[in-house]
Protein backbone atom coordinates (compact mmCIF):
# COMPACT_ATOMS: atom_id res chain seq x y z
CA UNK A 1 0.00 0.00 0.00
CA UNK A 2 1.38 3.42 -0.91
CA UNK A 3 1.17 6.57 1.16
CA UNK A 4 -1.23 9.24 -0.10
CA UNK A 5 0.46 12.36 -1.43
CA UNK A 6 -0.15 15.63 0.41
CA UNK A 7 -1.82 17.17 -2.64
CA UNK A 8 -4.21 14.24 -2.86
CA UNK A 9 -5.12 14.53 0.83
CA UNK A 10 -5.59 18.30 0.46
CA UNK A 11 -7.98 17.64 -2.43
CA UNK A 12 -10.00 15.20 -0.29
CA UNK A 13 -10.28 17.78 2.49
CA UNK A 14 -11.21 20.54 0.05
CA UNK A 15 -13.89 18.40 -1.61
CA UNK A 16 -15.33 17.36 1.75
CA UNK A 17 -15.38 20.95 3.04
CA UNK A 18 -17.12 22.22 -0.11
CA UNK A 19 -19.84 19.59 0.28
CA UNK A 20 -20.94 21.03 3.65
CA UNK A 21 -23.63 23.71 3.56
CA UNK A 22 -23.47 26.94 5.57
CA UNK A 23 -26.59 25.86 7.49
CA UNK A 24 -24.85 22.69 8.64
CA UNK A 25 -21.81 24.63 9.83
CA UNK A 26 -24.00 27.14 11.70
CA UNK A 27 -25.94 24.30 13.33
CA UNK A 28 -22.67 22.72 14.47
CA UNK A 29 -21.40 26.04 15.87
CA UNK A 30 -24.66 26.48 17.78
CA UNK A 31 -24.51 22.92 19.13
CA UNK A 32 -20.94 23.53 20.31
CA UNK A 33 -22.00 26.78 22.00
CA UNK A 34 -19.82 28.95 19.76
CA UNK A 35 -22.76 31.14 18.73
CA UNK A 36 -26.02 31.91 20.57
CA UNK A 37 -28.82 29.37 20.37
CA UNK A 38 -32.17 30.35 18.92
CA UNK A 39 -35.59 28.71 18.93
CA UNK A 40 -35.46 25.01 18.09
CA UNK A 41 -37.27 25.38 14.77
CA UNK A 42 -34.98 28.06 13.38
CA UNK A 43 -32.06 25.83 12.37
CA UNK A 44 -32.32 22.59 10.49
CA UNK A 45 -29.44 20.26 9.78
CA UNK A 46 -29.12 20.25 6.01
CA UNK A 47 -27.73 17.91 3.44
CA UNK A 48 -24.96 18.81 1.02
CA UNK A 49 -27.30 19.23 -1.95
CA UNK A 50 -28.65 22.57 -0.72
CA UNK A 51 -27.32 25.68 -2.35
CA UNK A 52 -25.27 27.90 -0.10
CA UNK A 53 -26.34 31.45 0.50
CA UNK A 54 -24.89 34.02 2.89
CA UNK A 55 -28.44 34.82 3.99
CA UNK A 56 -28.44 31.42 5.75
CA UNK A 57 -25.55 32.52 7.98
CA UNK A 58 -26.62 34.62 10.96
CA UNK A 59 -25.17 38.12 11.31
CA UNK A 60 -23.67 37.13 14.68
CA UNK A 61 -21.53 34.49 13.00
CA UNK A 62 -20.52 36.77 10.14
CA UNK A 63 -19.40 39.44 12.63
CA UNK A 64 -17.43 37.00 14.81
CA UNK A 65 -15.71 35.37 11.84
CA UNK A 66 -14.84 38.77 10.35
CA UNK A 67 -13.29 39.81 13.66
CA UNK A 68 -11.02 36.75 13.56
CA UNK A 69 -9.52 37.87 10.27
CA UNK A 70 -8.54 41.30 11.57
CA UNK A 71 -7.22 39.98 14.88
CA UNK A 72 -3.65 40.59 15.96
CA UNK A 73 -3.60 37.31 17.86
CA UNK A 74 -0.49 36.09 16.01
CA UNK A 75 1.59 38.13 18.43
CA UNK A 76 -0.27 36.88 21.52
CA UNK A 77 0.89 33.87 23.49
CA UNK A 78 -1.42 30.87 23.48
CA UNK A 79 -2.23 29.86 27.07
CA UNK A 80 -4.35 26.84 26.17
CA UNK A 81 -8.05 26.14 26.17
CA UNK A 82 -10.25 26.85 29.15
PDB file of N, CA and C in Angstrom:
ATOM      1  N   UNK A   1       0.846  -1.170   0.000  1.00  0.00           N
ATOM      2  CA  UNK A   1       0.000   0.000   0.000  1.00  0.00           C
ATOM      3  C   UNK A   1       0.897   1.242   0.000  1.00  0.00           C
ATOM      4  N   UNK A   2       0.569   2.210  -0.838  1.00  0.00           N
ATOM      5  CA  UNK A   2       1.380   3.424  -0.908  1.00  0.00           C
ATOM      6  C   UNK A   2       0.766   4.519  -0.039  1.00  0.00           C
ATOM      7  N   UNK A   3       1.607   5.429   0.364  1.00  0.00           N
ATOM      8  CA  UNK A   3       1.174   6.569   1.163  1.00  0.00           C
ATOM      9  C   UNK A   3       0.523   7.598   0.238  1.00  0.00           C
ATOM     10  N   UNK A   4      -0.570   8.202   0.691  1.00  0.00           N
ATOM     11  CA  UNK A   4      -1.234   9.243  -0.100  1.00  0.00           C
ATOM     12  C   UNK A   4      -0.351  10.484  -0.145  1.00  0.00           C
ATOM     13  N   UNK A   5      -0.320  11.130  -1.294  1.00  0.00           N
ATOM     14  CA  UNK A   5       0.457  12.360  -1.430  1.00  0.00           C
ATOM     15  C   UNK A   5      -0.293  13.505  -0.762  1.00  0.00           C
ATOM     16  N   UNK A   6       0.459  14.503  -0.287  1.00  0.00           N
ATOM     17  CA  UNK A   6      -0.149  15.630   0.411  1.00  0.00           C
ATOM     18  C   UNK A   6      -1.172  16.350  -0.461  1.00  0.00           C
ATOM     19  N   UNK A   7      -0.881  16.518  -1.726  1.00  0.00           N
ATOM     20  CA  UNK A   7      -1.819  17.174  -2.636  1.00  0.00           C
ATOM     21  C   UNK A   7      -3.125  16.410  -2.751  1.00  0.00           C
ATOM     22  N   UNK A   8      -3.025  15.089  -2.771  1.00  0.00           N
ATOM     23  CA  UNK A   8      -4.208  14.244  -2.858  1.00  0.00           C
ATOM     24  C   UNK A   8      -5.055  14.378  -1.589  1.00  0.00           C
ATOM     25  N   UNK A   9      -4.405  14.370  -0.441  1.00  0.00           N
ATOM     26  CA  UNK A   9      -5.115  14.529   0.829  1.00  0.00           C
ATOM     27  C   UNK A   9      -5.761  15.915   0.906  1.00  0.00           C
ATOM     28  N   UNK A  10      -5.038  16.940   0.466  1.00  0.00           N
ATOM     29  CA  UNK A  10      -5.589  18.297   0.462  1.00  0.00           C
ATOM     30  C   UNK A  10      -6.835  18.369  -0.418  1.00  0.00           C
ATOM     31  N   UNK A  11      -6.824  17.675  -1.540  1.00  0.00           N
ATOM     32  CA  UNK A  11      -7.983  17.641  -2.434  1.00  0.00           C
ATOM     33  C   UNK A  11      -9.169  16.970  -1.747  1.00  0.00           C
ATOM     34  N   UNK A  12      -8.923  15.881  -1.019  1.00  0.00           N
ATOM     35  CA  UNK A  12      -9.999  15.205  -0.290  1.00  0.00           C
ATOM     36  C   UNK A  12     -10.628  16.145   0.733  1.00  0.00           C
ATOM     37  N   UNK A  13      -9.783  16.846   1.471  1.00  0.00           N
ATOM     38  CA  UNK A  13     -10.276  17.775   2.491  1.00  0.00           C
ATOM     39  C   UNK A  13     -11.060  18.905   1.838  1.00  0.00           C
ATOM     40  N   UNK A  14     -10.535  19.453   0.756  1.00  0.00           N
ATOM     41  CA  UNK A  14     -11.208  20.539   0.047  1.00  0.00           C
ATOM     42  C   UNK A  14     -12.568  20.092  -0.474  1.00  0.00           C
ATOM     43  N   UNK A  15     -12.622  18.926  -1.084  1.00  0.00           N
ATOM     44  CA  UNK A  15     -13.887  18.405  -1.613  1.00  0.00           C
ATOM     45  C   UNK A  15     -14.898  18.173  -0.491  1.00  0.00           C
ATOM     46  N   UNK A  16     -14.432  17.614   0.624  1.00  0.00           N
ATOM     47  CA  UNK A  16     -15.326  17.359   1.753  1.00  0.00           C
ATOM     48  C   UNK A  16     -15.856  18.670   2.326  1.00  0.00           C
ATOM     49  N   UNK A  17     -14.974  19.656   2.477  1.00  0.00           N
ATOM     50  CA  UNK A  17     -15.378  20.946   3.042  1.00  0.00           C
ATOM     51  C   UNK A  17     -16.396  21.638   2.138  1.00  0.00           C
ATOM     52  N   UNK A  18     -16.197  21.581   0.825  1.00  0.00           N
ATOM     53  CA  UNK A  18     -17.116  22.223  -0.112  1.00  0.00           C
ATOM     54  C   UNK A  18     -18.485  21.554  -0.130  1.00  0.00           C
ATOM     55  N   UNK A  19     -18.567  20.306   0.299  1.00  0.00           N
ATOM     56  CA  UNK A  19     -19.842  19.594   0.279  1.00  0.00           C
ATOM     57  C   UNK A  19     -20.715  19.914   1.493  1.00  0.00           C
ATOM     58  N   UNK A  20     -20.187  20.685   2.448  1.00  0.00           N
ATOM     59  CA  UNK A  20     -20.938  21.031   3.655  1.00  0.00           C
ATOM     60  C   UNK A  20     -21.606  22.387   3.453  1.00  0.00           C
ATOM     61  N   UNK A  21     -22.901  22.451   3.739  1.00  0.00           N
ATOM     62  CA  UNK A  21     -23.625  23.714   3.562  1.00  0.00           C
ATOM     63  C   UNK A  21     -23.377  24.655   4.738  1.00  0.00           C
ATOM     64  N   UNK A  22     -23.622  25.927   4.514  1.00  0.00           N
ATOM     65  CA  UNK A  22     -23.474  26.939   5.566  1.00  0.00           C
ATOM     66  C   UNK A  22     -24.425  26.657   6.725  1.00  0.00           C
ATOM     67  N   UNK A  23     -25.628  26.178   6.421  1.00  0.00           N
ATOM     68  CA  UNK A  23     -26.593  25.864   7.486  1.00  0.00           C
ATOM     69  C   UNK A  23     -26.061  24.764   8.399  1.00  0.00           C
ATOM     70  N   UNK A  24     -25.406  23.776   7.841  1.00  0.00           N
ATOM     71  CA  UNK A  24     -24.854  22.688   8.637  1.00  0.00           C
ATOM     72  C   UNK A  24     -23.749  23.196   9.550  1.00  0.00           C
ATOM     73  N   UNK A  25     -22.898  24.067   9.034  1.00  0.00           N
ATOM     74  CA  UNK A  25     -21.812  24.631   9.834  1.00  0.00           C
ATOM     75  C   UNK A  25     -22.382  25.474  10.970  1.00  0.00           C
ATOM     76  N   UNK A  26     -23.378  26.304  10.671  1.00  0.00           N
ATOM     77  CA  UNK A  26     -24.004  27.138  11.697  1.00  0.00           C
ATOM     78  C   UNK A  26     -24.638  26.263  12.772  1.00  0.00           C
ATOM     79  N   UNK A  27     -25.321  25.201  12.363  1.00  0.00           N
ATOM     80  CA  UNK A  27     -25.938  24.297  13.335  1.00  0.00           C
ATOM     81  C   UNK A  27     -24.882  23.667  14.239  1.00  0.00           C
ATOM     82  N   UNK A  28     -23.757  23.289  13.670  1.00  0.00           N
ATOM     83  CA  UNK A  28     -22.670  22.721  14.471  1.00  0.00           C
ATOM     84  C   UNK A  28     -22.084  23.731  15.440  1.00  0.00           C
ATOM     85  N   UNK A  29     -21.906  24.980  14.990  1.00  0.00           N
ATOM     86  CA  UNK A  29     -21.396  26.039  15.872  1.00  0.00           C
ATOM     87  C   UNK A  29     -22.367  26.299  17.019  1.00  0.00           C
ATOM     88  N   UNK A  30     -23.667  26.277  16.718  1.00  0.00           N
ATOM     89  CA  UNK A  30     -24.664  26.475  17.780  1.00  0.00           C
ATOM     90  C   UNK A  30     -24.621  25.317  18.771  1.00  0.00           C
ATOM     91  N   UNK A  31     -24.544  24.116  18.267  1.00  0.00           N
ATOM     92  CA  UNK A  31     -24.512  22.925  19.128  1.00  0.00           C
ATOM     93  C   UNK A  31     -23.293  22.953  20.045  1.00  0.00           C
ATOM     94  N   UNK A  32     -22.169  23.453  19.523  1.00  0.00           N
ATOM     95  CA  UNK A  32     -20.936  23.531  20.312  1.00  0.00           C
ATOM     96  C   UNK A  32     -20.924  24.737  21.244  1.00  0.00           C
ATOM     97  N   UNK A  33     -21.933  25.605  21.143  1.00  0.00           N
ATOM     98  CA  UNK A  33     -21.995  26.776  22.003  1.00  0.00           C
ATOM     99  C   UNK A  33     -21.119  27.927  21.540  1.00  0.00           C
ATOM    100  N   UNK A  34     -20.684  27.891  20.284  1.00  0.00           N
ATOM    101  CA  UNK A  34     -19.825  28.950  19.761  1.00  0.00           C
ATOM    102  C   UNK A  34     -20.606  30.187  19.345  1.00  0.00           C
ATOM    103  N   UNK A  35     -21.893  30.008  19.029  1.00  0.00           N
ATOM    104  CA  UNK A  35     -22.763  31.142  18.726  1.00  0.00           C
ATOM    105  C   UNK A  35     -24.051  30.938  19.506  1.00  0.00           C
ATOM    106  N   UNK A  36     -24.804  32.017  19.760  1.00  0.00           N
ATOM    107  CA  UNK A  36     -26.021  31.907  20.572  1.00  0.00           C
ATOM    108  C   UNK A  36     -27.049  30.971  19.953  1.00  0.00           C
ATOM    109  N   UNK A  37     -27.747  30.248  20.817  1.00  0.00           N
ATOM    110  CA  UNK A  37     -28.824  29.368  20.368  1.00  0.00           C
ATOM    111  C   UNK A  37     -30.076  30.192  20.139  1.00  0.00           C
ATOM    112  N   UNK A  38     -30.893  29.715  19.220  1.00  0.00           N
ATOM    113  CA  UNK A  38     -32.171  30.350  18.922  1.00  0.00           C
ATOM    114  C   UNK A  38     -33.252  29.305  19.108  1.00  0.00           C
ATOM    115  N   UNK A  39     -34.481  29.652  18.800  1.00  0.00           N
ATOM    116  CA  UNK A  39     -35.587  28.713  18.931  1.00  0.00           C
ATOM    117  C   UNK A  39     -35.292  27.439  18.159  1.00  0.00           C
ATOM    118  N   UNK A  40     -35.766  26.318  18.677  1.00  0.00           N
ATOM    119  CA  UNK A  40     -35.457  25.007  18.093  1.00  0.00           C
ATOM    120  C   UNK A  40     -35.793  24.891  16.618  1.00  0.00           C
ATOM    121  N   UNK A  41     -36.855  25.524  16.157  1.00  0.00           N
ATOM    122  CA  UNK A  41     -37.272  25.379  14.769  1.00  0.00           C
ATOM    123  C   UNK A  41     -36.509  26.239  13.787  1.00  0.00           C
ATOM    124  N   UNK A  42     -35.644  27.123  14.273  1.00  0.00           N
ATOM    125  CA  UNK A  42     -34.975  28.062  13.382  1.00  0.00           C
ATOM    126  C   UNK A  42     -33.837  27.459  12.571  1.00  0.00           C
ATOM    127  N   UNK A  43     -33.213  26.408  13.065  1.00  0.00           N
ATOM    128  CA  UNK A  43     -32.062  25.834  12.368  1.00  0.00           C
ATOM    129  C   UNK A  43     -32.328  24.369  12.104  1.00  0.00           C
ATOM    130  N   UNK A  44     -32.178  23.994  10.863  1.00  0.00           N
ATOM    131  CA  UNK A  44     -32.321  22.593  10.495  1.00  0.00           C
ATOM    132  C   UNK A  44     -30.997  22.091   9.966  1.00  0.00           C
ATOM    133  N   UNK A  45     -30.636  20.887  10.340  1.00  0.00           N
ATOM    134  CA  UNK A  45     -29.438  20.258   9.783  1.00  0.00           C
ATOM    135  C   UNK A  45     -29.737  20.006   8.317  1.00  0.00           C
ATOM    136  N   UNK A  46     -28.835  20.367   7.435  1.00  0.00           N
ATOM    137  CA  UNK A  46     -29.116  20.246   6.014  1.00  0.00           C
ATOM    138  C   UNK A  46     -28.171  19.265   5.349  1.00  0.00           C
ATOM    139  N   UNK A  47     -28.604  18.796   4.196  1.00  0.00           N
ATOM    140  CA  UNK A  47     -27.731  17.907   3.442  1.00  0.00           C
ATOM    141  C   UNK A  47     -26.904  18.727   2.464  1.00  0.00           C
ATOM    142  N   UNK A  48     -25.923  18.088   1.857  1.00  0.00           N
ATOM    143  CA  UNK A  48     -24.962  18.806   1.023  1.00  0.00           C
ATOM    144  C   UNK A  48     -25.539  19.256  -0.318  1.00  0.00           C
ATOM    145  N   UNK A  49     -26.754  18.852  -0.659  1.00  0.00           N
ATOM    146  CA  UNK A  49     -27.301  19.226  -1.953  1.00  0.00           C
ATOM    147  C   UNK A  49     -27.922  20.626  -1.948  1.00  0.00           C
ATOM    148  N   UNK A  50     -28.089  21.228  -0.768  1.00  0.00           N
ATOM    149  CA  UNK A  50     -28.652  22.572  -0.718  1.00  0.00           C
ATOM    150  C   UNK A  50     -27.672  23.590  -1.263  1.00  0.00           C
ATOM    151  N   UNK A  51     -28.208  24.618  -1.885  1.00  0.00           N
ATOM    152  CA  UNK A  51     -27.325  25.682  -2.354  1.00  0.00           C
ATOM    153  C   UNK A  51     -26.965  26.568  -1.174  1.00  0.00           C
ATOM    154  N   UNK A  52     -25.727  27.051  -1.186  1.00  0.00           N
ATOM    155  CA  UNK A  52     -25.269  27.897  -0.099  1.00  0.00           C
ATOM    156  C   UNK A  52     -25.597  29.336  -0.403  1.00  0.00           C
ATOM    157  N   UNK A  53     -25.974  30.057   0.633  1.00  0.00           N
ATOM    158  CA  UNK A  53     -26.341  31.454   0.498  1.00  0.00           C
ATOM    159  C   UNK A  53     -25.947  32.143   1.786  1.00  0.00           C
ATOM    160  N   UNK A  54     -25.302  33.308   1.698  1.00  0.00           N
ATOM    161  CA  UNK A  54     -24.890  34.016   2.894  1.00  0.00           C
ATOM    162  C   UNK A  54     -26.071  34.428   3.756  1.00  0.00           C
ATOM    163  N   UNK A  55     -27.275  34.469   3.189  1.00  0.00           N
ATOM    164  CA  UNK A  55     -28.439  34.824   3.991  1.00  0.00           C
ATOM    165  C   UNK A  55     -28.759  33.733   5.001  1.00  0.00           C
ATOM    166  N   UNK A  56     -28.236  32.520   4.807  1.00  0.00           N
ATOM    167  CA  UNK A  56     -28.437  31.425   5.750  1.00  0.00           C
ATOM    168  C   UNK A  56     -27.562  31.581   6.987  1.00  0.00           C
ATOM    169  N   UNK A  57     -26.511  32.369   6.889  1.00  0.00           N
ATOM    170  CA  UNK A  57     -25.555  32.522   7.978  1.00  0.00           C
ATOM    171  C   UNK A  57     -25.970  33.716   8.822  1.00  0.00           C
ATOM    172  N   UNK A  58     -26.180  33.506  10.128  1.00  0.00           N
ATOM    173  CA  UNK A  58     -26.620  34.625  10.963  1.00  0.00           C
ATOM    174  C   UNK A  58     -25.582  35.735  11.038  1.00  0.00           C
ATOM    175  N   UNK A  59     -26.061  36.962  11.234  1.00  0.00           N
ATOM    176  CA  UNK A  59     -25.169  38.124  11.314  1.00  0.00           C
ATOM    177  C   UNK A  59     -24.173  37.978  12.452  1.00  0.00           C
ATOM    178  N   UNK A  60     -24.578  37.325  13.545  1.00  0.00           N
ATOM    179  CA  UNK A  60     -23.670  37.126  14.682  1.00  0.00           C
ATOM    180  C   UNK A  60     -22.440  36.352  14.234  1.00  0.00           C
ATOM    181  N   UNK A  61     -22.648  35.297  13.474  1.00  0.00           N
ATOM    182  CA  UNK A  61     -21.529  34.486  13.005  1.00  0.00           C
ATOM    183  C   UNK A  61     -20.671  35.271  12.030  1.00  0.00           C
ATOM    184  N   UNK A  62     -21.286  35.994  11.108  1.00  0.00           N
ATOM    185  CA  UNK A  62     -20.519  36.772  10.141  1.00  0.00           C
ATOM    186  C   UNK A  62     -19.640  37.794  10.845  1.00  0.00           C
ATOM    187  N   UNK A  63     -20.159  38.452  11.882  1.00  0.00           N
ATOM    188  CA  UNK A  63     -19.397  39.445  12.630  1.00  0.00           C
ATOM    189  C   UNK A  63     -18.233  38.799  13.365  1.00  0.00           C
ATOM    190  N   UNK A  64     -18.482  37.672  14.043  1.00  0.00           N
ATOM    191  CA  UNK A  64     -17.435  37.000  14.806  1.00  0.00           C
ATOM    192  C   UNK A  64     -16.331  36.463  13.899  1.00  0.00           C
ATOM    193  N   UNK A  65     -16.704  35.896  12.770  1.00  0.00           N
ATOM    194  CA  UNK A  65     -15.706  35.372  11.840  1.00  0.00           C
ATOM    195  C   UNK A  65     -14.899  36.513  11.237  1.00  0.00           C
ATOM    196  N   UNK A  66     -15.557  37.609  10.888  1.00  0.00           N
ATOM    197  CA  UNK A  66     -14.844  38.769  10.348  1.00  0.00           C
ATOM    198  C   UNK A  66     -13.833  39.300  11.349  1.00  0.00           C
ATOM    199  N   UNK A  67     -14.194  39.320  12.616  1.00  0.00           N
ATOM    200  CA  UNK A  67     -13.287  39.808  13.657  1.00  0.00           C
ATOM    201  C   UNK A  67     -12.043  38.930  13.760  1.00  0.00           C
ATOM    202  N   UNK A  68     -12.181  37.654  13.500  1.00  0.00           N
ATOM    203  CA  UNK A  68     -11.024  36.754  13.563  1.00  0.00           C
ATOM    204  C   UNK A  68      -9.987  37.097  12.498  1.00  0.00           C
ATOM    205  N   UNK A  69     -10.440  37.573  11.351  1.00  0.00           N
ATOM    206  CA  UNK A  69      -9.519  37.868  10.265  1.00  0.00           C
ATOM    207  C   UNK A  69      -8.760  39.171  10.454  1.00  0.00           C
ATOM    208  N   UNK A  70      -9.250  40.047  11.313  1.00  0.00           N
ATOM    209  CA  UNK A  70      -8.543  41.300  11.574  1.00  0.00           C
ATOM    210  C   UNK A  70      -7.870  41.280  12.941  1.00  0.00           C
ATOM    211  N   UNK A  71      -7.812  40.127  13.549  1.00  0.00           N
ATOM    212  CA  UNK A  71      -7.225  39.976  14.879  1.00  0.00           C
ATOM    213  C   UNK A  71      -5.707  40.026  14.810  1.00  0.00           C
ATOM    214  N   UNK A  72      -5.103  40.575  15.836  1.00  0.00           N
ATOM    215  CA  UNK A  72      -3.648  40.595  15.957  1.00  0.00           C
ATOM    216  C   UNK A  72      -3.160  39.471  16.858  1.00  0.00           C
ATOM    217  N   UNK A  73      -3.902  38.385  16.919  1.00  0.00           N
ATOM    218  CA  UNK A  73      -3.602  37.312  17.858  1.00  0.00           C
ATOM    219  C   UNK A  73      -2.315  36.563  17.527  1.00  0.00           C
ATOM    220  N   UNK A  74      -1.737  36.779  16.350  1.00  0.00           N
ATOM    221  CA  UNK A  74      -0.493  36.091  16.009  1.00  0.00           C
ATOM    222  C   UNK A  74       0.622  36.459  16.977  1.00  0.00           C
ATOM    223  N   UNK A  75       0.550  37.674  17.522  1.00  0.00           N
ATOM    224  CA  UNK A  75       1.588  38.129  18.428  1.00  0.00           C
ATOM    225  C   UNK A  75       1.309  37.725  19.872  1.00  0.00           C
ATOM    226  N   UNK A  76       0.091  37.280  20.161  1.00  0.00           N
ATOM    227  CA  UNK A  76      -0.273  36.884  21.516  1.00  0.00           C
ATOM    228  C   UNK A  76       0.224  35.478  21.804  1.00  0.00           C
ATOM    229  N   UNK A  77       0.510  35.213  23.071  1.00  0.00           N
ATOM    230  CA  UNK A  77       0.888  33.869  23.491  1.00  0.00           C
ATOM    231  C   UNK A  77      -0.371  33.040  23.677  1.00  0.00           C
ATOM    232  N   UNK A  78      -0.303  31.779  23.309  1.00  0.00           N
ATOM    233  CA  UNK A  78      -1.425  30.871  23.484  1.00  0.00           C
ATOM    234  C   UNK A  78      -1.290  30.202  24.838  1.00  0.00           C
ATOM    235  N   UNK A  79      -2.277  30.414  25.713  1.00  0.00           N
ATOM    236  CA  UNK A  79      -2.226  29.865  27.066  1.00  0.00           C
ATOM    237  C   UNK A  79      -3.030  28.582  27.199  1.00  0.00           C
ATOM    238  N   UNK A  80      -3.581  28.079  26.124  1.00  0.00           N
ATOM    239  CA  UNK A  80      -4.348  26.840  26.171  1.00  0.00           C
ATOM    240  C   UNK A  80      -5.839  27.104  26.205  1.00  0.00           C
ATOM    241  N   UNK A  81      -6.597  26.035  26.150  1.00  0.00           N
ATOM    242  CA  UNK A  81      -8.046  26.138  26.171  1.00  0.00           C
ATOM    243  C   UNK A  81      -8.538  26.149  27.603  1.00  0.00           C
ATOM    244  N   UNK A  82      -9.685  26.777  27.803  1.00  0.00           N
ATOM    245  CA  UNK A  82     -10.254  26.846  29.154  1.00  0.00           C
ATOM    246  C   UNK A  82     -10.871  25.542  29.552  1.00  0.00           C
TER     247      UNK A  82
END
